[in-house]
Amino acid sequence: MSFTLDRALAAEPKLLSNGRKSFNHFRKLAGNPKLDEFFVDAEALERLLPGLPLAGDSALDKLTMLADNSYRTYAVSLIKWNASGGLKRKCEMSIPPRLKRGDHNAHALIEIWVEEPPVVQDMYGNSVVEPLHLALTYTDEKLEFDERVSSELGNMLERLGYEFENRWN
């Protein structure tokens, strides 16, 4: 499915009995803005593309009570990534990651997006991906694997007026 946030926002929302909009219904209409993700050298990424917004668990860490991983996650558009020449992939991302937690310290997880990621500032001035776009990047596989992410994503979506029906309780 292609990414069509504007069309999904314009569509009639599916309201649930609690008065909130169904995030699962919205997600089916909007699609996922993320095309790919993989690890790269963190220092090289900062030199090549400084100031990228935080995405994934790193952004969710800044917007909720989630504790981030030992590596940072960033978002970049496919056009900007291709124009930069990119970086060598350090290892493929898998759920769960094949490396031990400490092995990621010199890595950054880069998410390649269909479009330029929309950015907001958290209360400390960090650039993070806009929350609704961020929520769309999480796959069922990731959410089923990680209860803490599922729970905090659900809390964030509630503040946006959505009900996350697949959330861990």
N, C-alpha and C. Protein backbone atom coordinates (compact mmCIF):
# COMPACT_ATOMS: atom_id res chain seq x y z
N MET A 1 0.84 -1.17 0.00
CA MET A 1 0.00 0.00 0.00
C MET A 1 0.89 1.24 0.00
N SER A 2 0.54 2.22 -0.80
CA SER A 2 1.31 3.45 -0.83
C SER A 2 0.89 4.36 0.32
N PHE A 3 1.72 5.34 0.61
CA PHE A 3 1.46 6.26 1.70
C PHE A 3 0.55 7.39 1.23
N THR A 4 -0.62 7.54 1.86
CA THR A 4 -1.61 8.55 1.45
C THR A 4 -2.24 9.20 2.68
N LEU A 5 -1.44 9.91 3.47
CA LEU A 5 -1.94 10.51 4.70
C LEU A 5 -3.06 11.51 4.44
N ASP A 6 -2.90 12.38 3.44
CA ASP A 6 -3.92 13.40 3.17
C ASP A 6 -5.28 12.77 2.88
N ARG A 7 -5.29 11.71 2.08
CA ARG A 7 -6.55 11.03 1.75
C ARG A 7 -7.15 10.38 3.00
N ALA A 8 -6.30 9.81 3.84
CA ALA A 8 -6.78 9.18 5.07
C ALA A 8 -7.36 10.22 6.03
N LEU A 9 -6.72 11.38 6.13
CA LEU A 9 -7.24 12.44 6.99
C LEU A 9 -8.57 13.00 6.48
N ALA A 10 -8.73 13.02 5.15
CA ALA A 10 -9.96 13.55 4.55
C ALA A 10 -11.12 12.55 4.62
N ALA A 11 -10.80 11.28 4.77
CA ALA A 11 -11.84 10.25 4.81
C ALA A 11 -12.64 10.35 6.10
N GLU A 12 -13.85 9.86 6.06
CA GLU A 12 -14.70 9.83 7.25
C GLU A 12 -14.07 8.90 8.28
N PRO A 13 -13.77 9.39 9.50
CA PRO A 13 -13.16 8.51 10.49
C PRO A 13 -14.15 7.47 11.00
N LYS A 14 -13.62 6.32 11.34
CA LYS A 14 -14.44 5.28 11.97
C LYS A 14 -14.43 5.57 13.47
N LEU A 15 -15.60 5.96 13.99
CA LEU A 15 -15.69 6.26 15.42
C LEU A 15 -16.06 5.01 16.20
N LEU A 16 -15.41 4.84 17.32
CA LEU A 16 -15.67 3.69 18.18
C LEU A 16 -16.66 4.08 19.26
N SER A 17 -17.11 3.12 20.03
CA SER A 17 -18.13 3.38 21.05
C SER A 17 -17.66 4.37 22.12
N ASN A 18 -16.35 4.49 22.31
CA ASN A 18 -15.82 5.44 23.30
C ASN A 18 -15.66 6.85 22.73
N GLY A 19 -16.07 7.05 21.48
CA GLY A 19 -15.99 8.37 20.85
C GLY A 19 -14.68 8.68 20.18
N ARG A 20 -13.69 7.81 20.33
CA ARG A 20 -12.39 8.03 19.68
C ARG A 20 -12.41 7.46 18.26
N LYS A 21 -11.49 8.00 17.45
CA LYS A 21 -11.31 7.50 16.09
C LYS A 21 -10.49 6.21 16.13
N SER A 22 -10.79 5.29 15.23
CA SER A 22 -10.07 4.03 15.15
C SER A 22 -8.73 4.25 14.46
N PHE A 23 -7.63 4.03 15.18
CA PHE A 23 -6.31 4.15 14.56
C PHE A 23 -6.08 3.04 13.56
N ASN A 24 -6.55 1.84 13.85
CA ASN A 24 -6.34 0.73 12.91
C ASN A 24 -7.00 1.01 11.57
N HIS A 25 -8.20 1.58 11.59
CA HIS A 25 -8.88 1.96 10.35
C HIS A 25 -8.10 3.05 9.62
N PHE A 26 -7.66 4.06 10.37
CA PHE A 26 -6.88 5.15 9.79
C PHE A 26 -5.58 4.63 9.18
N ARG A 27 -4.91 3.72 9.88
CA ARG A 27 -3.64 3.17 9.42
C ARG A 27 -3.80 2.41 8.10
N LYS A 28 -4.93 1.70 7.95
CA LYS A 28 -5.18 0.99 6.70
C LYS A 28 -5.34 1.96 5.53
N LEU A 29 -5.96 3.10 5.79
CA LEU A 29 -6.15 4.11 4.74
C LEU A 29 -4.86 4.86 4.42
N ALA A 30 -4.07 5.16 5.43
CA ALA A 30 -2.89 6.01 5.25
C ALA A 30 -1.67 5.26 4.74
N GLY A 31 -1.45 4.05 5.21
CA GLY A 31 -0.24 3.33 4.85
C GLY A 31 0.93 3.74 5.73
N ASN A 32 2.10 3.27 5.38
CA ASN A 32 3.31 3.50 6.16
C ASN A 32 4.26 4.40 5.37
N PRO A 33 4.69 5.53 5.95
CA PRO A 33 5.61 6.42 5.23
C PRO A 33 7.04 5.88 5.15
N LYS A 34 7.33 4.85 5.94
CA LYS A 34 8.69 4.29 6.00
C LYS A 34 8.86 3.22 4.94
N LEU A 35 9.91 3.36 4.13
CA LEU A 35 10.21 2.38 3.08
C LEU A 35 11.18 1.29 3.55
N ASP A 36 12.15 1.68 4.36
CA ASP A 36 13.21 0.75 4.75
C ASP A 36 13.86 1.26 6.03
N GLU A 37 14.57 0.40 6.70
CA GLU A 37 15.36 0.78 7.86
C GLU A 37 16.56 -0.15 7.95
N PHE A 38 17.69 0.42 8.39
CA PHE A 38 18.91 -0.36 8.55
C PHE A 38 19.89 0.43 9.40
N PHE A 39 20.88 -0.27 9.94
CA PHE A 39 21.88 0.36 10.78
C PHE A 39 23.01 0.92 9.93
N VAL A 40 23.52 2.08 10.37
CA VAL A 40 24.70 2.70 9.76
C VAL A 40 25.60 3.18 10.90
N ASP A 41 26.81 3.57 10.57
CA ASP A 41 27.72 4.14 11.55
C ASP A 41 27.17 5.48 12.02
N ALA A 42 27.01 5.65 13.32
CA ALA A 42 26.38 6.85 13.89
C ALA A 42 27.18 8.12 13.61
N GLU A 43 28.49 8.07 13.76
CA GLU A 43 29.31 9.26 13.52
C GLU A 43 29.29 9.66 12.05
N ALA A 44 29.38 8.68 11.17
CA ALA A 44 29.36 8.97 9.74
C ALA A 44 28.02 9.58 9.33
N LEU A 45 26.94 9.10 9.92
CA LEU A 45 25.62 9.65 9.61
C LEU A 45 25.53 11.11 10.04
N GLU A 46 26.04 11.43 11.21
CA GLU A 46 26.00 12.82 11.70
C GLU A 46 26.83 13.73 10.79
N ARG A 47 27.95 13.24 10.27
CA ARG A 47 28.76 14.05 9.34
C ARG A 47 28.05 14.22 8.00
N LEU A 48 27.42 13.16 7.51
CA LEU A 48 26.79 13.18 6.19
C LEU A 48 25.49 13.97 6.19
N LEU A 49 24.64 13.74 7.18
CA LEU A 49 23.32 14.38 7.26
C LEU A 49 23.07 14.88 8.68
N PRO A 50 23.69 15.97 9.08
CA PRO A 50 23.50 16.46 10.44
C PRO A 50 22.08 16.98 10.66
N GLY A 51 21.61 16.83 11.89
CA GLY A 51 20.32 17.40 12.26
C GLY A 51 19.09 16.66 11.83
N LEU A 52 19.22 15.38 11.50
CA LEU A 52 18.03 14.61 11.13
C LEU A 52 17.10 14.48 12.34
N PRO A 53 15.78 14.45 12.09
CA PRO A 53 14.85 14.30 13.21
C PRO A 53 14.89 12.88 13.78
N LEU A 54 14.64 12.80 15.08
CA LEU A 54 14.51 11.50 15.71
C LEU A 54 13.23 10.82 15.23
N ALA A 55 13.30 9.52 15.08
CA ALA A 55 12.15 8.73 14.62
C ALA A 55 12.07 7.47 15.46
N GLY A 56 11.12 6.60 15.15
CA GLY A 56 11.00 5.31 15.82
C GLY A 56 10.98 5.44 17.33
N ASP A 57 11.66 4.49 18.00
CA ASP A 57 11.67 4.46 19.46
C ASP A 57 12.35 5.70 20.05
N SER A 58 13.30 6.30 19.33
CA SER A 58 13.97 7.51 19.83
C SER A 58 13.00 8.68 19.91
N ALA A 59 12.13 8.82 18.91
CA ALA A 59 11.12 9.89 18.94
C ALA A 59 10.07 9.57 20.00
N LEU A 60 9.64 8.31 20.05
CA LEU A 60 8.64 7.91 21.04
C LEU A 60 9.18 8.14 22.46
N ASP A 61 10.48 7.96 22.65
CA ASP A 61 11.13 8.24 23.93
C ASP A 61 10.95 9.71 24.32
N LYS A 62 11.07 10.61 23.36
CA LYS A 62 10.95 12.05 23.65
C LYS A 62 9.50 12.49 23.85
N LEU A 63 8.55 11.75 23.29
CA LEU A 63 7.14 12.14 23.34
C LEU A 63 6.32 11.40 24.40
N THR A 64 6.90 10.34 24.98
CA THR A 64 6.18 9.52 25.97
C THR A 64 7.13 9.13 27.09
N MET A 65 6.73 8.14 27.85
CA MET A 65 7.56 7.63 28.96
C MET A 65 8.44 6.46 28.53
N LEU A 66 8.53 6.17 27.25
CA LEU A 66 9.34 5.06 26.75
C LEU A 66 10.83 5.36 26.95
N ALA A 67 11.59 4.37 27.33
CA ALA A 67 13.05 4.49 27.40
C ALA A 67 13.62 4.06 26.05
N ASP A 68 14.49 4.88 25.50
CA ASP A 68 15.08 4.61 24.19
C ASP A 68 16.03 3.42 24.24
N ASN A 69 16.36 2.92 23.06
CA ASN A 69 17.35 1.87 22.91
C ASN A 69 18.75 2.46 23.12
N SER A 70 19.78 1.63 23.05
CA SER A 70 21.15 2.12 23.19
C SER A 70 21.63 2.82 21.93
N TYR A 71 20.86 2.78 20.87
CA TYR A 71 21.17 3.48 19.62
C TYR A 71 20.03 4.45 19.32
N ARG A 72 20.31 5.46 18.52
CA ARG A 72 19.30 6.44 18.11
C ARG A 72 18.71 6.03 16.76
N THR A 73 17.46 6.42 16.55
CA THR A 73 16.78 6.18 15.28
C THR A 73 16.46 7.53 14.65
N TYR A 74 16.76 7.67 13.35
CA TYR A 74 16.53 8.92 12.62
C TYR A 74 15.74 8.65 11.35
N ALA A 75 15.06 9.70 10.85
CA ALA A 75 14.28 9.58 9.61
C ALA A 75 14.84 10.53 8.56
N VAL A 76 14.82 10.08 7.31
CA VAL A 76 15.26 10.89 6.18
C VAL A 76 14.43 10.49 4.96
N SER A 77 14.15 11.44 4.11
CA SER A 77 13.41 11.12 2.88
C SER A 77 14.30 10.36 1.91
N LEU A 78 13.68 9.57 1.06
CA LEU A 78 14.42 8.81 0.05
C LEU A 78 15.19 9.76 -0.87
N ILE A 79 14.59 10.87 -1.24
CA ILE A 79 15.26 11.84 -2.13
C ILE A 79 16.52 12.38 -1.47
N LYS A 80 16.43 12.79 -0.21
CA LYS A 80 17.60 13.34 0.50
C LYS A 80 18.66 12.26 0.71
N TRP A 81 18.23 11.03 1.03
CA TRP A 81 19.17 9.94 1.23
C TRP A 81 19.93 9.64 -0.05
N ASN A 82 19.21 9.55 -1.15
CA ASN A 82 19.86 9.28 -2.43
C ASN A 82 20.80 10.41 -2.84
N ALA A 83 20.39 11.66 -2.61
CA ALA A 83 21.22 12.81 -2.97
C ALA A 83 22.50 12.85 -2.13
N SER A 84 22.46 12.33 -0.92
CA SER A 84 23.63 12.35 -0.03
C SER A 84 24.67 11.30 -0.41
N GLY A 85 24.27 10.33 -1.20
CA GLY A 85 25.16 9.23 -1.54
C GLY A 85 25.05 8.05 -0.59
N GLY A 86 24.35 8.26 0.54
CA GLY A 86 24.10 7.18 1.48
C GLY A 86 25.35 6.71 2.21
N LEU A 87 25.19 5.72 3.02
CA LEU A 87 26.27 5.12 3.79
C LEU A 87 26.16 3.60 3.68
N LYS A 88 27.28 2.94 3.94
CA LYS A 88 27.30 1.48 3.94
C LYS A 88 26.44 0.97 5.09
N ARG A 89 25.61 -0.01 4.79
CA ARG A 89 24.80 -0.64 5.83
C ARG A 89 25.71 -1.44 6.74
N LYS A 90 25.50 -1.27 8.05
CA LYS A 90 26.30 -2.01 9.03
C LYS A 90 25.71 -3.40 9.26
N CYS A 91 24.41 -3.47 9.32
CA CYS A 91 23.70 -4.73 9.47
C CYS A 91 22.23 -4.47 9.21
N GLU A 92 21.53 -5.49 8.83
CA GLU A 92 20.10 -5.34 8.57
C GLU A 92 19.35 -5.30 9.89
N MET A 93 18.25 -4.58 9.90
CA MET A 93 17.40 -4.53 11.08
C MET A 93 16.54 -5.78 11.11
N SER A 94 16.41 -6.35 12.26
CA SER A 94 15.51 -7.49 12.42
C SER A 94 14.77 -7.32 13.74
N ILE A 95 13.65 -7.94 13.85
CA ILE A 95 12.87 -7.91 15.09
C ILE A 95 12.85 -9.33 15.63
N PRO A 96 13.45 -9.64 16.76
CA PRO A 96 14.27 -8.74 17.57
C PRO A 96 15.66 -8.57 16.94
N PRO A 97 16.35 -7.46 17.27
CA PRO A 97 17.69 -7.28 16.71
C PRO A 97 18.60 -8.45 17.06
N ARG A 98 19.41 -8.85 16.12
CA ARG A 98 20.28 -10.01 16.32
C ARG A 98 21.48 -9.69 17.20
N LEU A 99 21.87 -8.42 17.26
CA LEU A 99 22.99 -8.04 18.08
C LEU A 99 22.54 -7.83 19.52
N LYS A 100 23.46 -8.00 20.45
CA LYS A 100 23.15 -7.72 21.84
C LYS A 100 22.99 -6.22 22.01
N ARG A 101 22.28 -5.81 23.04
CA ARG A 101 21.97 -4.40 23.29
C ARG A 101 23.20 -3.51 23.20
N GLY A 102 24.28 -3.83 23.87
CA GLY A 102 25.48 -2.99 23.87
C GLY A 102 26.20 -2.93 22.54
N ASP A 103 25.96 -3.89 21.66
CA ASP A 103 26.65 -3.93 20.38
C ASP A 103 26.21 -2.83 19.42
N HIS A 104 25.13 -2.12 19.73
CA HIS A 104 24.61 -1.10 18.84
C HIS A 104 25.15 0.30 19.14
N ASN A 105 26.00 0.45 20.15
CA ASN A 105 26.41 1.78 20.60
C ASN A 105 26.99 2.66 19.50
N ALA A 106 27.73 2.12 18.56
CA ALA A 106 28.33 2.92 17.51
C ALA A 106 27.45 3.03 16.27
N HIS A 107 26.24 2.49 16.36
CA HIS A 107 25.33 2.47 15.23
C HIS A 107 24.16 3.44 15.42
N ALA A 108 23.57 3.81 14.32
CA ALA A 108 22.30 4.54 14.32
C ALA A 108 21.38 3.79 13.37
N LEU A 109 20.11 3.73 13.72
CA LEU A 109 19.12 3.12 12.84
C LEU A 109 18.55 4.23 11.98
N ILE A 110 18.65 4.09 10.69
CA ILE A 110 18.13 5.11 9.77
C ILE A 110 16.86 4.57 9.11
N GLU A 111 15.82 5.39 9.12
CA GLU A 111 14.57 5.05 8.44
C GLU A 111 14.50 5.88 7.17
N ILE A 112 14.29 5.21 6.06
CA ILE A 112 14.14 5.89 4.77
C ILE A 112 12.64 6.06 4.53
N TRP A 113 12.21 7.31 4.33
CA TRP A 113 10.79 7.64 4.19
C TRP A 113 10.43 8.02 2.76
N VAL A 114 9.17 7.80 2.42
CA VAL A 114 8.63 8.16 1.11
C VAL A 114 8.76 9.66 0.85
N GLU A 115 8.50 10.44 1.87
CA GLU A 115 8.51 11.90 1.76
C GLU A 115 9.37 12.48 2.87
N GLU A 116 9.58 13.79 2.83
CA GLU A 116 10.31 14.45 3.91
C GLU A 116 9.52 14.30 5.21
N PRO A 117 10.12 13.74 6.25
CA PRO A 117 9.38 13.54 7.50
C PRO A 117 8.97 14.89 8.11
N PRO A 118 7.69 15.05 8.44
CA PRO A 118 7.28 16.28 9.13
C PRO A 118 7.83 16.28 10.55
N VAL A 119 8.28 17.43 11.00
CA VAL A 119 9.02 17.52 12.26
C VAL A 119 8.30 18.45 13.23
N VAL A 120 8.33 18.08 14.50
CA VAL A 120 7.88 18.94 15.60
C VAL A 120 9.02 18.99 16.61
N GLN A 121 8.92 19.90 17.55
CA GLN A 121 9.90 20.00 18.63
C GLN A 121 9.29 19.43 19.91
N ASP A 122 10.07 18.64 20.63
CA ASP A 122 9.59 18.19 21.94
C ASP A 122 9.81 19.32 22.94
N MET A 123 9.46 19.11 24.19
CA MET A 123 9.54 20.18 25.19
C MET A 123 10.98 20.62 25.47
N TYR A 124 11.96 19.84 25.03
CA TYR A 124 13.37 20.20 25.23
C TYR A 124 14.02 20.73 23.96
N GLY A 125 13.24 20.89 22.91
CA GLY A 125 13.76 21.43 21.66
C GLY A 125 14.34 20.41 20.70
N ASN A 126 14.18 19.12 21.00
CA ASN A 126 14.65 18.08 20.08
C ASN A 126 13.72 18.00 18.88
N SER A 127 14.28 17.83 17.70
CA SER A 127 13.48 17.62 16.49
C SER A 127 13.06 16.16 16.43
N VAL A 128 11.75 15.94 16.41
CA VAL A 128 11.21 14.59 16.33
C VAL A 128 10.16 14.54 15.23
N VAL A 129 9.95 13.35 14.70
CA VAL A 129 8.92 13.15 13.69
C VAL A 129 7.56 13.43 14.31
N GLU A 130 6.69 14.08 13.57
CA GLU A 130 5.33 14.42 14.01
C GLU A 130 4.63 13.14 14.49
N PRO A 131 3.91 13.19 15.63
CA PRO A 131 3.39 11.98 16.28
C PRO A 131 2.50 11.08 15.42
N LEU A 132 1.59 11.62 14.63
CA LEU A 132 0.72 10.75 13.85
C LEU A 132 1.52 10.01 12.77
N HIS A 133 2.45 10.71 12.13
CA HIS A 133 3.32 10.05 11.16
C HIS A 133 4.17 8.99 11.84
N LEU A 134 4.69 9.31 13.03
CA LEU A 134 5.49 8.36 13.79
C LEU A 134 4.69 7.08 14.06
N ALA A 135 3.46 7.23 14.50
CA ALA A 135 2.63 6.06 14.82
C ALA A 135 2.43 5.16 13.59
N LEU A 136 2.34 5.76 12.42
CA LEU A 136 2.12 4.98 11.20
C LEU A 136 3.32 4.11 10.82
N THR A 137 4.50 4.42 11.35
CA THR A 137 5.70 3.66 10.97
C THR A 137 5.85 2.35 11.72
N TYR A 138 5.08 2.15 12.77
CA TYR A 138 5.20 0.91 13.55
C TYR A 138 4.41 -0.21 12.89
N THR A 139 5.07 -1.32 12.67
CA THR A 139 4.44 -2.49 12.05
C THR A 139 3.80 -3.36 13.12
N ASP A 140 2.86 -4.19 12.71
CA ASP A 140 2.25 -5.14 13.63
C ASP A 140 3.30 -6.04 14.26
N GLU A 141 4.30 -6.43 13.47
CA GLU A 141 5.37 -7.30 13.96
C GLU A 141 6.10 -6.65 15.14
N LYS A 142 6.46 -5.39 14.99
CA LYS A 142 7.16 -4.67 16.06
C LYS A 142 6.26 -4.52 17.29
N LEU A 143 5.01 -4.18 17.07
CA LEU A 143 4.09 -3.95 18.18
C LEU A 143 3.76 -5.23 18.93
N GLU A 144 3.71 -6.34 18.22
CA GLU A 144 3.46 -7.63 18.88
C GLU A 144 4.68 -8.08 19.67
N PHE A 145 5.87 -7.69 19.22
CA PHE A 145 7.11 -8.08 19.87
C PHE A 145 7.39 -7.26 21.12
N ASP A 146 7.03 -5.97 21.11
CA ASP A 146 7.47 -5.05 22.16
C ASP A 146 6.29 -4.41 22.88
N GLU A 147 5.94 -4.96 24.02
CA GLU A 147 4.80 -4.49 24.81
C GLU A 147 4.96 -3.04 25.24
N ARG A 148 6.17 -2.63 25.58
CA ARG A 148 6.38 -1.26 26.07
C ARG A 148 6.12 -0.24 24.97
N VAL A 149 6.52 -0.55 23.75
CA VAL A 149 6.26 0.36 22.62
C VAL A 149 4.77 0.41 22.34
N SER A 150 4.12 -0.74 22.31
CA SER A 150 2.69 -0.80 22.06
C SER A 150 1.91 0.03 23.07
N SER A 151 2.27 -0.08 24.32
CA SER A 151 1.58 0.64 25.38
C SER A 151 1.77 2.15 25.26
N GLU A 152 3.00 2.59 25.07
CA GLU A 152 3.28 4.04 24.97
C GLU A 152 2.72 4.63 23.68
N LEU A 153 2.74 3.87 22.60
CA LEU A 153 2.14 4.34 21.35
C LEU A 153 0.65 4.54 21.55
N GLY A 154 0.01 3.60 22.25
CA GLY A 154 -1.41 3.73 22.55
C GLY A 154 -1.71 4.97 23.39
N ASN A 155 -0.87 5.25 24.38
CA ASN A 155 -1.05 6.45 25.21
C ASN A 155 -0.94 7.72 24.37
N MET A 156 0.05 7.76 23.48
CA MET A 156 0.23 8.93 22.62
C MET A 156 -0.96 9.10 21.68
N LEU A 157 -1.43 8.01 21.11
CA LEU A 157 -2.57 8.08 20.19
C LEU A 157 -3.84 8.55 20.90
N GLU A 158 -4.03 8.15 22.15
CA GLU A 158 -5.18 8.62 22.91
C GLU A 158 -5.17 10.14 23.02
N ARG A 159 -3.99 10.71 23.25
CA ARG A 159 -3.89 12.18 23.35
C ARG A 159 -4.22 12.84 22.02
N LEU A 160 -4.09 12.11 20.91
CA LEU A 160 -4.41 12.63 19.58
C LEU A 160 -5.85 12.34 19.18
N GLY A 161 -6.63 11.69 20.06
CA GLY A 161 -8.03 11.39 19.79
C GLY A 161 -8.28 10.06 19.11
N TYR A 162 -7.27 9.19 19.09
CA TYR A 162 -7.39 7.87 18.46
C TYR A 162 -7.39 6.78 19.51
N GLU A 163 -8.04 5.69 19.17
CA GLU A 163 -7.99 4.48 19.98
C GLU A 163 -7.14 3.47 19.23
N PHE A 164 -6.14 2.93 19.90
CA PHE A 164 -5.25 1.93 19.30
C PHE A 164 -5.76 0.57 19.74
N GLU A 165 -6.55 -0.06 18.90
CA GLU A 165 -7.25 -1.29 19.26
C GLU A 165 -6.33 -2.47 19.48
N ASN A 166 -5.15 -2.50 18.87
CA ASN A 166 -4.25 -3.63 19.01
C ASN A 166 -3.26 -3.48 20.16
N ARG A 167 -3.46 -2.49 20.98
CA ARG A 167 -2.53 -2.19 22.06
C ARG A 167 -2.53 -3.30 23.11
N TRP A 168 -1.33 -3.57 23.63
CA TRP A 168 -1.22 -4.50 24.76
C TRP A 168 -1.89 -3.85 25.95
N ASN A 169 -2.53 -4.62 26.78
CA ASN A 169 -3.18 -4.07 27.97
C ASN A 169 -2.35 -4.25 29.21
